[in-house]
Full PDB file with SEQRES, HELIX, SHEET, SSBOND, CRYST1, ORIGX, SCALE, CONECT and MASTER records, all heavy atoms in Angstrom:
SEQRES   1 A   39  ALA ALA GLY GLY LEU VAL TRP LEU LEU GLN GLY LEU ASN          
SEQRES   2 A   39  VAL ALA PHE ALA PRO LYS SER PHE MET THR GLY ASP ARG          
SEQRES   3 A   39  THR TRP VAL PHE ILE GLY ALA VAL THR LEU VAL VAL GLY          
HELIX    1 AA1 ALA A    2  GLY A   11  1                                  10    
HELIX    2 AA2 ARG A   26  VAL A   38  1                                  13    
CRYST1    1.000    1.000    1.000  90.00  90.00  90.00 P 1           1          
ORIGX1      1.000000  0.000000  0.000000        0.00000                         
ORIGX2      0.000000  1.000000  0.000000        0.00000                         
ORIGX3      0.000000  0.000000  1.000000        0.00000                         
SCALE1      1.000000  0.000000  0.000000        0.00000                         
SCALE2      0.000000  1.000000  0.000000        0.00000                         
SCALE3      0.000000  0.000000  1.000000        0.00000                         
ATOM      1  N   ALA A   1    -116.694 180.236  59.067  1.00  0.00           N  
ATOM      2  CA  ALA A   1    -118.029 180.446  58.606  1.00  0.00           C  
ATOM      3  C   ALA A   1    -118.067 180.256  57.087  1.00  0.00           C  
ATOM      4  O   ALA A   1    -119.027 179.657  56.558  1.00  0.00           O  
ATOM      5  CB  ALA A   1    -118.553 181.856  59.034  1.00  0.00           C  
ATOM      6  N   ALA A   2    -117.069 180.817  56.404  1.00  0.00           N  
ATOM      7  CA  ALA A   2    -117.014 180.694  54.882  1.00  0.00           C  
ATOM      8  C   ALA A   2    -116.835 179.232  54.519  1.00  0.00           C  
ATOM      9  O   ALA A   2    -117.578 178.777  53.594  1.00  0.00           O  
ATOM     10  CB  ALA A   2    -115.948 181.475  54.378  1.00  0.00           C  
ATOM     11  N   GLY A   3    -116.126 178.471  55.197  1.00  0.00           N  
ATOM     12  CA  GLY A   3    -116.022 177.093  54.915  1.00  0.00           C  
ATOM     13  C   GLY A   3    -117.236 176.296  55.189  1.00  0.00           C  
ATOM     14  O   GLY A   3    -117.693 175.488  54.415  1.00  0.00           O  
ATOM     15  N   GLY A   4    -117.935 176.646  56.284  1.00  0.00           N  
ATOM     16  CA  GLY A   4    -119.231 176.046  56.582  1.00  0.00           C  
ATOM     17  C   GLY A   4    -120.291 176.390  55.510  1.00  0.00           C  
ATOM     18  O   GLY A   4    -121.089 175.492  55.157  1.00  0.00           O  
ATOM     19  N   LEU A   5    -120.214 177.600  55.061  1.00  0.00           N  
ATOM     20  CA  LEU A   5    -121.140 178.006  53.962  1.00  0.00           C  
ATOM     21  C   LEU A   5    -120.935 177.173  52.689  1.00  0.00           C  
ATOM     22  O   LEU A   5    -121.898 176.703  52.085  1.00  0.00           O  
ATOM     23  CB  LEU A   5    -121.099 179.488  53.670  1.00  0.00           C  
ATOM     24  CG  LEU A   5    -121.992 180.043  52.604  1.00  0.00           C  
ATOM     25  CD1 LEU A   5    -123.453 179.836  53.040  1.00  0.00           C  
ATOM     26  CD2 LEU A   5    -121.721 181.484  52.334  1.00  0.00           C  
ATOM     27  N   VAL A   6    -119.716 176.952  52.329  1.00  0.00           N  
ATOM     28  CA  VAL A   6    -119.303 176.152  51.161  1.00  0.00           C  
ATOM     29  C   VAL A   6    -119.818 174.763  51.306  1.00  0.00           C  
ATOM     30  O   VAL A   6    -120.472 174.152  50.427  1.00  0.00           O  
ATOM     31  CB  VAL A   6    -117.813 176.205  50.842  1.00  0.00           C  
ATOM     32  CG1 VAL A   6    -117.463 175.127  49.814  1.00  0.00           C  
ATOM     33  CG2 VAL A   6    -117.405 177.558  50.387  1.00  0.00           C  
ATOM     34  N   TRP A   7    -119.657 174.170  52.484  1.00  0.00           N  
ATOM     35  CA  TRP A   7    -120.113 172.818  52.778  1.00  0.00           C  
ATOM     36  C   TRP A   7    -121.608 172.747  52.736  1.00  0.00           C  
ATOM     37  O   TRP A   7    -122.151 171.748  52.188  1.00  0.00           O  
ATOM     38  CB  TRP A   7    -119.667 172.351  54.106  1.00  0.00           C  
ATOM     39  CG  TRP A   7    -118.138 172.088  54.173  1.00  0.00           C  
ATOM     40  CD1 TRP A   7    -117.254 172.013  53.142  1.00  0.00           C  
ATOM     41  CD2 TRP A   7    -117.359 171.970  55.371  1.00  0.00           C  
ATOM     42  NE1 TRP A   7    -115.962 171.770  53.584  1.00  0.00           N  
ATOM     43  CE2 TRP A   7    -115.979 171.770  54.987  1.00  0.00           C  
ATOM     44  CE3 TRP A   7    -117.624 171.930  56.675  1.00  0.00           C  
ATOM     45  CZ2 TRP A   7    -114.927 171.532  55.938  1.00  0.00           C  
ATOM     46  CZ3 TRP A   7    -116.578 171.693  57.611  1.00  0.00           C  
ATOM     47  CH2 TRP A   7    -115.275 171.517  57.195  1.00  0.00           C  
ATOM     48  N   LEU A   8    -122.245 173.697  53.288  1.00  0.00           N  
ATOM     49  CA  LEU A   8    -123.674 173.707  53.285  1.00  0.00           C  
ATOM     50  C   LEU A   8    -124.219 173.770  51.789  1.00  0.00           C  
ATOM     51  O   LEU A   8    -125.185 172.988  51.465  1.00  0.00           O  
ATOM     52  CB  LEU A   8    -124.222 174.949  54.062  1.00  0.00           C  
ATOM     53  CG  LEU A   8    -125.694 175.199  54.103  1.00  0.00           C  
ATOM     54  CD1 LEU A   8    -126.391 174.089  54.914  1.00  0.00           C  
ATOM     55  CD2 LEU A   8    -125.987 176.586  54.668  1.00  0.00           C  
ATOM     56  N   LEU A   9    -123.655 174.679  51.034  1.00  0.00           N  
ATOM     57  CA  LEU A   9    -124.139 174.786  49.656  1.00  0.00           C  
ATOM     58  C   LEU A   9    -123.842 173.510  48.857  1.00  0.00           C  
ATOM     59  O   LEU A   9    -124.640 173.095  48.000  1.00  0.00           O  
ATOM     60  CB  LEU A   9    -123.455 176.044  49.022  1.00  0.00           C  
ATOM     61  CG  LEU A   9    -123.916 177.403  49.600  1.00  0.00           C  
ATOM     62  CD1 LEU A   9    -123.108 178.512  48.929  1.00  0.00           C  
ATOM     63  CD2 LEU A   9    -125.348 177.585  49.364  1.00  0.00           C  
ATOM     64  N   GLN A  10    -122.671 172.909  49.034  1.00  0.00           N  
ATOM     65  CA  GLN A  10    -122.368 171.646  48.405  1.00  0.00           C  
ATOM     66  C   GLN A  10    -123.389 170.531  48.755  1.00  0.00           C  
ATOM     67  O   GLN A  10    -123.790 169.793  47.934  1.00  0.00           O  
ATOM     68  CB  GLN A  10    -120.936 171.172  48.669  1.00  0.00           C  
ATOM     69  CG  GLN A  10    -119.912 171.975  47.891  1.00  0.00           C  
ATOM     70  CD  GLN A  10    -118.507 171.541  48.135  1.00  0.00           C  
ATOM     71  OE1 GLN A  10    -118.179 171.172  49.281  1.00  0.00           O  
ATOM     72  NE2 GLN A  10    -117.708 171.680  47.132  1.00  0.00           N  
ATOM     73  N   GLY A  11    -123.668 170.483  49.992  1.00  0.00           N  
ATOM     74  CA  GLY A  11    -124.664 169.506  50.472  1.00  0.00           C  
ATOM     75  C   GLY A  11    -126.061 169.703  49.876  1.00  0.00           C  
ATOM     76  O   GLY A  11    -126.773 168.788  49.652  1.00  0.00           O  
ATOM     77  N   LEU A  12    -126.367 170.959  49.684  1.00  0.00           N  
ATOM     78  CA  LEU A  12    -127.682 171.265  49.054  1.00  0.00           C  
ATOM     79  C   LEU A  12    -127.618 171.188  47.533  1.00  0.00           C  
ATOM     80  O   LEU A  12    -128.634 171.349  46.831  1.00  0.00           O  
ATOM     81  CB  LEU A  12    -128.062 172.727  49.404  1.00  0.00           C  
ATOM     82  CG  LEU A  12    -128.465 172.933  50.898  1.00  0.00           C  
ATOM     83  CD1 LEU A  12    -128.664 174.396  51.132  1.00  0.00           C  
ATOM     84  CD2 LEU A  12    -129.710 172.166  51.223  1.00  0.00           C  
ATOM     85  N   ASN A  13    -126.501 170.832  47.020  1.00  0.00           N  
ATOM     86  CA  ASN A  13    -126.289 170.677  45.509  1.00  0.00           C  
ATOM     87  C   ASN A  13    -126.639 171.938  44.792  1.00  0.00           C  
ATOM     88  O   ASN A  13    -127.310 171.915  43.684  1.00  0.00           O  
ATOM     89  CB  ASN A  13    -127.088 169.493  45.049  1.00  0.00           C  
ATOM     90  CG  ASN A  13    -126.593 169.010  43.678  1.00  0.00           C  
ATOM     91  OD1 ASN A  13    -125.557 169.274  43.232  1.00  0.00           O  
ATOM     92  ND2 ASN A  13    -127.466 168.224  42.989  1.00  0.00           N  
ATOM     93  N   VAL A  14    -126.213 173.127  45.256  1.00  0.00           N  
ATOM     94  CA  VAL A  14    -126.463 174.424  44.621  1.00  0.00           C  
ATOM     95  C   VAL A  14    -125.544 174.438  43.344  1.00  0.00           C  
ATOM     96  O   VAL A  14    -124.426 173.984  43.370  1.00  0.00           O  
ATOM     97  CB  VAL A  14    -126.123 175.559  45.575  1.00  0.00           C  
ATOM     98  CG1 VAL A  14    -126.283 176.847  44.868  1.00  0.00           C  
ATOM     99  CG2 VAL A  14    -127.026 175.515  46.753  1.00  0.00           C  
ATOM    100  N   ALA A  15    -126.151 175.004  42.284  1.00  0.00           N  
ATOM    101  CA  ALA A  15    -125.438 174.897  40.979  1.00  0.00           C  
ATOM    102  C   ALA A  15    -124.040 175.564  40.953  1.00  0.00           C  
ATOM    103  O   ALA A  15    -123.129 175.068  40.292  1.00  0.00           O  
ATOM    104  CB  ALA A  15    -126.323 175.574  39.915  1.00  0.00           C  
ATOM    105  N   PHE A  16    -123.887 176.707  41.645  1.00  0.00           N  
ATOM    106  CA  PHE A  16    -122.551 177.378  41.663  1.00  0.00           C  
ATOM    107  C   PHE A  16    -121.531 176.929  42.606  1.00  0.00           C  
ATOM    108  O   PHE A  16    -120.445 177.390  42.610  1.00  0.00           O  
ATOM    109  CB  PHE A  16    -122.779 178.881  41.736  1.00  0.00           C  
ATOM    110  CG  PHE A  16    -123.422 179.284  43.004  1.00  0.00           C  
ATOM    111  CD1 PHE A  16    -122.699 179.523  44.108  1.00  0.00           C  
ATOM    112  CD2 PHE A  16    -124.777 179.563  43.107  1.00  0.00           C  
ATOM    113  CE1 PHE A  16    -123.310 179.920  45.305  1.00  0.00           C  
ATOM    114  CE2 PHE A  16    -125.368 179.978  44.205  1.00  0.00           C  
ATOM    115  CZ  PHE A  16    -124.663 180.136  45.323  1.00  0.00           C  
ATOM    116  N   ALA A  17    -121.944 175.959  43.488  1.00  0.00           N  
ATOM    117  CA  ALA A  17    -120.965 175.412  44.473  1.00  0.00           C  
ATOM    118  C   ALA A  17    -120.003 174.475  43.777  1.00  0.00           C  
ATOM    119  O   ALA A  17    -120.403 173.801  42.784  1.00  0.00           O  
ATOM    120  CB  ALA A  17    -121.701 174.679  45.580  1.00  0.00           C  
ATOM    121  N   PRO A  18    -118.724 174.505  44.196  1.00  0.00           N  
ATOM    122  CA  PRO A  18    -117.745 173.580  43.561  1.00  0.00           C  
ATOM    123  C   PRO A  18    -118.180 172.124  43.667  1.00  0.00           C  
ATOM    124  O   PRO A  18    -118.751 171.694  44.699  1.00  0.00           O  
ATOM    125  CB  PRO A  18    -116.487 173.801  44.392  1.00  0.00           C  
ATOM    126  CG  PRO A  18    -116.716 175.074  45.128  1.00  0.00           C  
ATOM    127  CD  PRO A  18    -118.208 175.275  45.265  1.00  0.00           C  
ATOM    128  N   LYS A  19    -117.945 171.309  42.630  1.00  0.00           N  
ATOM    129  CA  LYS A  19    -118.380 169.877  42.579  1.00  0.00           C  
ATOM    130  C   LYS A  19    -117.291 169.063  43.383  1.00  0.00           C  
ATOM    131  O   LYS A  19    -116.159 169.304  43.240  1.00  0.00           O  
ATOM    132  CB  LYS A  19    -118.497 169.447  41.190  1.00  0.00           C  
ATOM    133  CG  LYS A  19    -119.487 170.212  40.351  1.00  0.00           C  
ATOM    134  CD  LYS A  19    -120.885 170.007  40.946  1.00  0.00           C  
ATOM    135  CE  LYS A  19    -121.855 170.664  40.032  1.00  0.00           C  
ATOM    136  NZ  LYS A  19    -123.152 171.034  40.654  1.00  0.00           N  
ATOM    137  N   SER A  20    -117.787 168.140  44.178  1.00  0.00           N  
ATOM    138  CA  SER A  20    -116.888 167.303  44.915  1.00  0.00           C  
ATOM    139  C   SER A  20    -117.698 166.113  45.418  1.00  0.00           C  
ATOM    140  O   SER A  20    -118.942 165.948  45.039  1.00  0.00           O  
ATOM    141  CB  SER A  20    -116.261 168.027  46.092  1.00  0.00           C  
ATOM    142  OG  SER A  20    -117.223 168.159  47.157  1.00  0.00           O  
ATOM    143  N   PHE A  21    -117.098 165.263  46.191  1.00  0.00           N  
ATOM    144  CA  PHE A  21    -117.760 164.085  46.756  1.00  0.00           C  
ATOM    145  C   PHE A  21    -118.845 164.533  47.735  1.00  0.00           C  
ATOM    146  O   PHE A  21    -119.724 163.707  48.044  1.00  0.00           O  
ATOM    147  CB  PHE A  21    -116.774 163.142  47.451  1.00  0.00           C  
ATOM    148  CG  PHE A  21    -116.153 163.702  48.742  1.00  0.00           C  
ATOM    149  CD1 PHE A  21    -116.740 163.544  49.985  1.00  0.00           C  
ATOM    150  CD2 PHE A  21    -114.997 164.589  48.660  1.00  0.00           C  
ATOM    151  CE1 PHE A  21    -116.201 164.182  51.123  1.00  0.00           C  
ATOM    152  CE2 PHE A  21    -114.445 165.135  49.755  1.00  0.00           C  
ATOM    153  CZ  PHE A  21    -115.005 164.888  50.987  1.00  0.00           C  
ATOM    154  N   MET A  22    -118.927 165.790  48.216  1.00  0.00           N  
ATOM    155  CA  MET A  22    -119.910 166.235  49.113  1.00  0.00           C  
ATOM    156  C   MET A  22    -121.133 166.739  48.395  1.00  0.00           C  
ATOM    157  O   MET A  22    -122.212 166.869  49.042  1.00  0.00           O  
ATOM    158  CB  MET A  22    -119.325 167.415  49.941  1.00  0.00           C  
ATOM    159  CG  MET A  22    -118.142 167.029  50.811  1.00  0.00           C  
ATOM    160  SD  MET A  22    -117.586 168.353  51.844  1.00  0.00           S  
ATOM    161  CE  MET A  22    -116.663 169.321  50.681  1.00  0.00           C  
ATOM    162  N   THR A  23    -121.072 166.903  47.129  1.00  0.00           N  
ATOM    163  CA  THR A  23    -122.222 167.469  46.373  1.00  0.00           C  
ATOM    164  C   THR A  23    -123.472 166.544  46.471  1.00  0.00           C  
ATOM    165  O   THR A  23    -123.425 165.356  46.158  1.00  0.00           O  
ATOM    166  CB  THR A  23    -121.877 167.641  44.893  1.00  0.00           C  
ATOM    167  OG1 THR A  23    -120.664 168.453  44.825  1.00  0.00           O  
ATOM    168  CG2 THR A  23    -122.945 168.280  44.092  1.00  0.00           C  
ATOM    169  N   GLY A  24    -124.521 167.109  46.980  1.00  0.00           N  
ATOM    170  CA  GLY A  24    -125.785 166.429  47.039  1.00  0.00           C  
ATOM    171  C   GLY A  24    -125.919 165.437  48.248  1.00  0.00           C  
ATOM    172  O   GLY A  24    -126.905 164.762  48.415  1.00  0.00           O  
ATOM    173  N   ASP A  25    -124.939 165.468  49.166  1.00  0.00           N  
ATOM    174  CA  ASP A  25    -124.958 164.663  50.316  1.00  0.00           C  
ATOM    175  C   ASP A  25    -125.522 165.410  51.480  1.00  0.00           C  
ATOM    176  O   ASP A  25    -124.958 166.459  51.957  1.00  0.00           O  
ATOM    177  CB  ASP A  25    -123.539 164.119  50.665  1.00  0.00           C  
ATOM    178  CG  ASP A  25    -123.473 163.125  51.715  1.00  0.00           C  
ATOM    179  OD1 ASP A  25    -124.535 162.893  52.441  1.00  0.00           O  
ATOM    180  OD2 ASP A  25    -122.429 162.504  51.929  1.00  0.00           O  
ATOM    181  N   ARG A  26    -126.656 165.003  52.013  1.00  0.00           N  
ATOM    182  CA  ARG A  26    -127.345 165.762  53.085  1.00  0.00           C  
ATOM    183  C   ARG A  26    -126.589 165.882  54.380  1.00  0.00           C  
ATOM    184  O   ARG A  26    -126.813 166.642  55.224  1.00  0.00           O  
ATOM    185  CB  ARG A  26    -128.765 165.142  53.346  1.00  0.00           C  
ATOM    186  CG  ARG A  26    -129.673 165.203  52.187  1.00  0.00           C  
ATOM    187  CD  ARG A  26    -130.000 166.670  51.962  1.00  0.00           C  
ATOM    188  NE  ARG A  26    -130.935 166.778  50.776  1.00  0.00           N  
ATOM    189  CZ  ARG A  26    -131.272 167.882  50.212  1.00  0.00           C  
ATOM    190  NH1 ARG A  26    -130.740 169.037  50.627  1.00  0.00           N  
ATOM    191  NH2 ARG A  26    -132.022 167.869  49.114  1.00  0.00           N  
ATOM    192  N   THR A  27    -125.622 164.962  54.572  1.00  0.00           N  
ATOM    193  CA  THR A  27    -124.763 164.966  55.761  1.00  0.00           C  
ATOM    194  C   THR A  27    -124.044 166.258  55.805  1.00  0.00           C  
ATOM    195  O   THR A  27    -123.866 166.881  56.855  1.00  0.00           O  
ATOM    196  CB  THR A  27    -123.782 163.770  55.792  1.00  0.00           C  
ATOM    197  OG1 THR A  27    -124.491 162.641  55.678  1.00  0.00           O  
ATOM    198  CG2 THR A  27    -122.940 163.791  56.969  1.00  0.00           C  
ATOM    199  N   TRP A  28    -123.584 166.726  54.648  1.00  0.00           N  
ATOM    200  CA  TRP A  28    -122.762 168.031  54.529  1.00  0.00           C  
ATOM    201  C   TRP A  28    -123.651 169.235  54.798  1.00  0.00           C  
ATOM    202  O   TRP A  28    -123.159 170.267  55.170  1.00  0.00           O  
ATOM    203  CB  TRP A  28    -121.996 168.061  53.283  1.00  0.00           C  
ATOM    204  CG  TRP A  28    -120.921 167.039  53.314  1.00  0.00           C  
ATOM    205  CD1 TRP A  28    -120.912 165.858  52.675  1.00  0.00           C  
ATOM    206  CD2 TRP A  28    -119.687 167.143  54.049  1.00  0.00           C  
ATOM    207  NE1 TRP A  28    -119.751 165.156  53.011  1.00  0.00           N  
ATOM    208  CE2 TRP A  28    -118.986 165.888  53.860  1.00  0.00           C  
ATOM    209  CE3 TRP A  28    -119.144 168.074  54.949  1.00  0.00           C  
ATOM    210  CZ2 TRP A  28    -117.734 165.627  54.450  1.00  0.00           C  
ATOM    211  CZ3 TRP A  28    -117.900 167.833  55.514  1.00  0.00           C  
ATOM    212  CH2 TRP A  28    -117.236 166.661  55.288  1.00  0.00           C  
ATOM    213  N   VAL A  29    -124.974 169.074  54.612  1.00  0.00           N  
ATOM    214  CA  VAL A  29    -125.858 170.220  55.011  1.00  0.00           C  
ATOM    215  C   VAL A  29    -125.797 170.459  56.464  1.00  0.00           C  
ATOM    216  O   VAL A  29    -125.633 171.620  56.951  1.00  0.00           O  
ATOM    217  CB  VAL A  29    -127.323 169.872  54.483  1.00  0.00           C  
ATOM    218  CG1 VAL A  29    -128.253 170.961  55.034  1.00  0.00           C  
ATOM    219  CG2 VAL A  29    -127.371 169.804  53.006  1.00  0.00           C  
ATOM    220  N   PHE A  30    -125.918 169.360  57.217  1.00  0.00           N  
ATOM    221  CA  PHE A  30    -125.848 169.472  58.704  1.00  0.00           C  
ATOM    222  C   PHE A  30    -124.482 169.965  59.168  1.00  0.00           C  
ATOM    223  O   PHE A  30    -124.401 170.867  59.965  1.00  0.00           O  
ATOM    224  CB  PHE A  30    -126.250 168.151  59.356  1.00  0.00           C  
ATOM    225  CG  PHE A  30    -126.090 168.129  60.841  1.00  0.00           C  
ATOM    226  CD1 PHE A  30    -127.055 168.808  61.649  1.00  0.00           C  
ATOM    227  CD2 PHE A  30    -125.054 167.581  61.480  1.00  0.00           C  
ATOM    228  CE1 PHE A  30    -126.862 168.804  62.982  1.00  0.00           C  
ATOM    229  CE2 PHE A  30    -124.907 167.572  62.829  1.00  0.00           C  
ATOM    230  CZ  PHE A  30    -125.844 168.175  63.568  1.00  0.00           C  
ATOM    231  N   ILE A  31    -123.441 169.370  58.669  1.00  0.00           N  
ATOM    232  CA  ILE A  31    -122.138 169.723  59.130  1.00  0.00           C  
ATOM    233  C   ILE A  31    -121.750 171.172  58.710  1.00  0.00           C  
ATOM    234  O   ILE A  31    -121.199 171.914  59.503  1.00  0.00           O  
ATOM    235  CB  ILE A  31    -121.066 168.761  58.493  1.00  0.00           C  
ATOM    236  CG1 ILE A  31    -121.208 167.344  59.021  1.00  0.00           C  
ATOM    237  CG2 ILE A  31    -119.625 169.244  58.712  1.00  0.00           C  
ATOM    238  CD1 ILE A  31    -120.401 166.275  58.345  1.00  0.00           C  
ATOM    239  N   GLY A  32    -122.190 171.585  57.516  1.00  0.00           N  
ATOM    240  CA  GLY A  32    -121.960 172.876  57.093  1.00  0.00           C  
ATOM    241  C   GLY A  32    -122.707 173.938  57.909  1.00  0.00           C  
ATOM    242  O   GLY A  32    -122.172 175.009  58.240  1.00  0.00           O  
ATOM    243  N   ALA A  33    -124.010 173.635  58.262  1.00  0.00           N  
ATOM    244  CA  ALA A  33    -124.845 174.559  59.052  1.00  0.00           C  
ATOM    245  C   ALA A  33    -124.222 174.775  60.458  1.00  0.00           C  
ATOM    246  O   ALA A  33    -124.134 175.853  60.952  1.00  0.00           O  
ATOM    247  CB  ALA A  33    -126.211 174.039  59.073  1.00  0.00           C  
ATOM    248  N   VAL A  34    -123.802 173.606  61.045  1.00  0.00           N  
ATOM    249  CA  VAL A  34    -123.175 173.726  62.335  1.00  0.00           C  
ATOM    250  C   VAL A  34    -121.845 174.525  62.334  1.00  0.00           C  
ATOM    251  O   VAL A  34    -121.641 175.375  63.162  1.00  0.00           O  
ATOM    252  CB  VAL A  34    -122.938 172.300  62.926  1.00  0.00           C  
ATOM    253  CG1 VAL A  34    -122.102 172.381  64.221  1.00  0.00           C  
ATOM    254  CG2 VAL A  34    -124.218 171.609  63.242  1.00  0.00           C  
ATOM    255  N   THR A  35    -121.020 174.307  61.260  1.00  0.00           N  
ATOM    256  CA  THR A  35    -119.772 174.962  61.140  1.00  0.00           C  
ATOM    257  C   THR A  35    -120.034 176.455  60.933  1.00  0.00           C  
ATOM    258  O   THR A  35    -119.334 177.319  61.432  1.00  0.00           O  
ATOM    259  CB  THR A  35    -118.931 174.331  60.038  1.00  0.00           C  
ATOM    260  OG1 THR A  35    -118.789 172.959  60.277  1.00  0.00           O  
ATOM    261  CG2 THR A  35    -117.575 175.034  59.917  1.00  0.00           C  
ATOM    262  N   LEU A  36    -120.990 176.741  60.115  1.00  0.00           N  
ATOM    263  CA  LEU A  36    -121.349 178.211  59.816  1.00  0.00           C  
ATOM    264  C   LEU A  36    -121.699 178.925  61.097  1.00  0.00           C  
ATOM    265  O   LEU A  36    -121.247 180.024  61.387  1.00  0.00           O  
ATOM    266  CB  LEU A  36    -122.460 178.223  58.805  1.00  0.00           C  
ATOM    267  CG  LEU A  36    -123.037 179.581  58.453  1.00  0.00           C  
ATOM    268  CD1 LEU A  36    -121.910 180.461  57.810  1.00  0.00           C  
ATOM    269  CD2 LEU A  36    -124.221 179.517  57.484  1.00  0.00           C  
ATOM    270  N   VAL A  37    -122.587 178.272  61.942  1.00  0.00           N  
ATOM    271  CA  VAL A  37    -123.010 178.943  63.139  1.00  0.00           C  
ATOM    272  C   VAL A  37    -121.892 179.111  64.155  1.00  0.00           C  
ATOM    273  O   VAL A  37    -121.691 180.139  64.747  1.00  0.00           O  
ATOM    274  CB  VAL A  37    -124.240 178.069  63.814  1.00  0.00           C  
ATOM    275  CG1 VAL A  37    -124.489 178.540  65.190  1.00  0.00           C  
ATOM    276  CG2 VAL A  37    -125.470 178.162  62.895  1.00  0.00           C  
ATOM    277  N   VAL A  38    -121.010 178.098  64.263  1.00  0.00           N  
ATOM    278  CA  VAL A  38    -119.834 178.158  65.165  1.00  0.00           C  
ATOM    279  C   VAL A  38    -118.948 179.246  64.636  1.00  0.00           C  
ATOM    280  O   VAL A  38    -118.420 180.072  65.469  1.00  0.00           O  
ATOM    281  CB  VAL A  38    -119.166 176.817  65.275  1.00  0.00           C  
ATOM    282  CG1 VAL A  38    -117.817 176.972  65.940  1.00  0.00           C  
ATOM    283  CG2 VAL A  38    -120.021 175.764  65.976  1.00  0.00           C  
ATOM    284  N   GLY A  39    -118.620 179.286  63.337  1.00  0.00           N  
ATOM    285  CA  GLY A  39    -117.803 180.379  62.835  1.00  0.00           C  
ATOM    286  C   GLY A  39    -118.390 181.795  63.074  1.00  0.00           C  
ATOM    287  O   GLY A  39    -117.666 182.703  63.466  1.00  0.00           O  
TER     288      GLY A  39                                                      
MASTER        0    0    0    2    0    0    0    6  287    1    0    3          
END                                                                             
């Protein structure tokens, strides 16, 4: 769930989320949300 939350926040381009290739990519919003719910 923690990993999914990080992916979700990176996809949403939240300021305090670590910067990576996932930053601002809406695909990671979906993947992160699903991972968070499964966790």
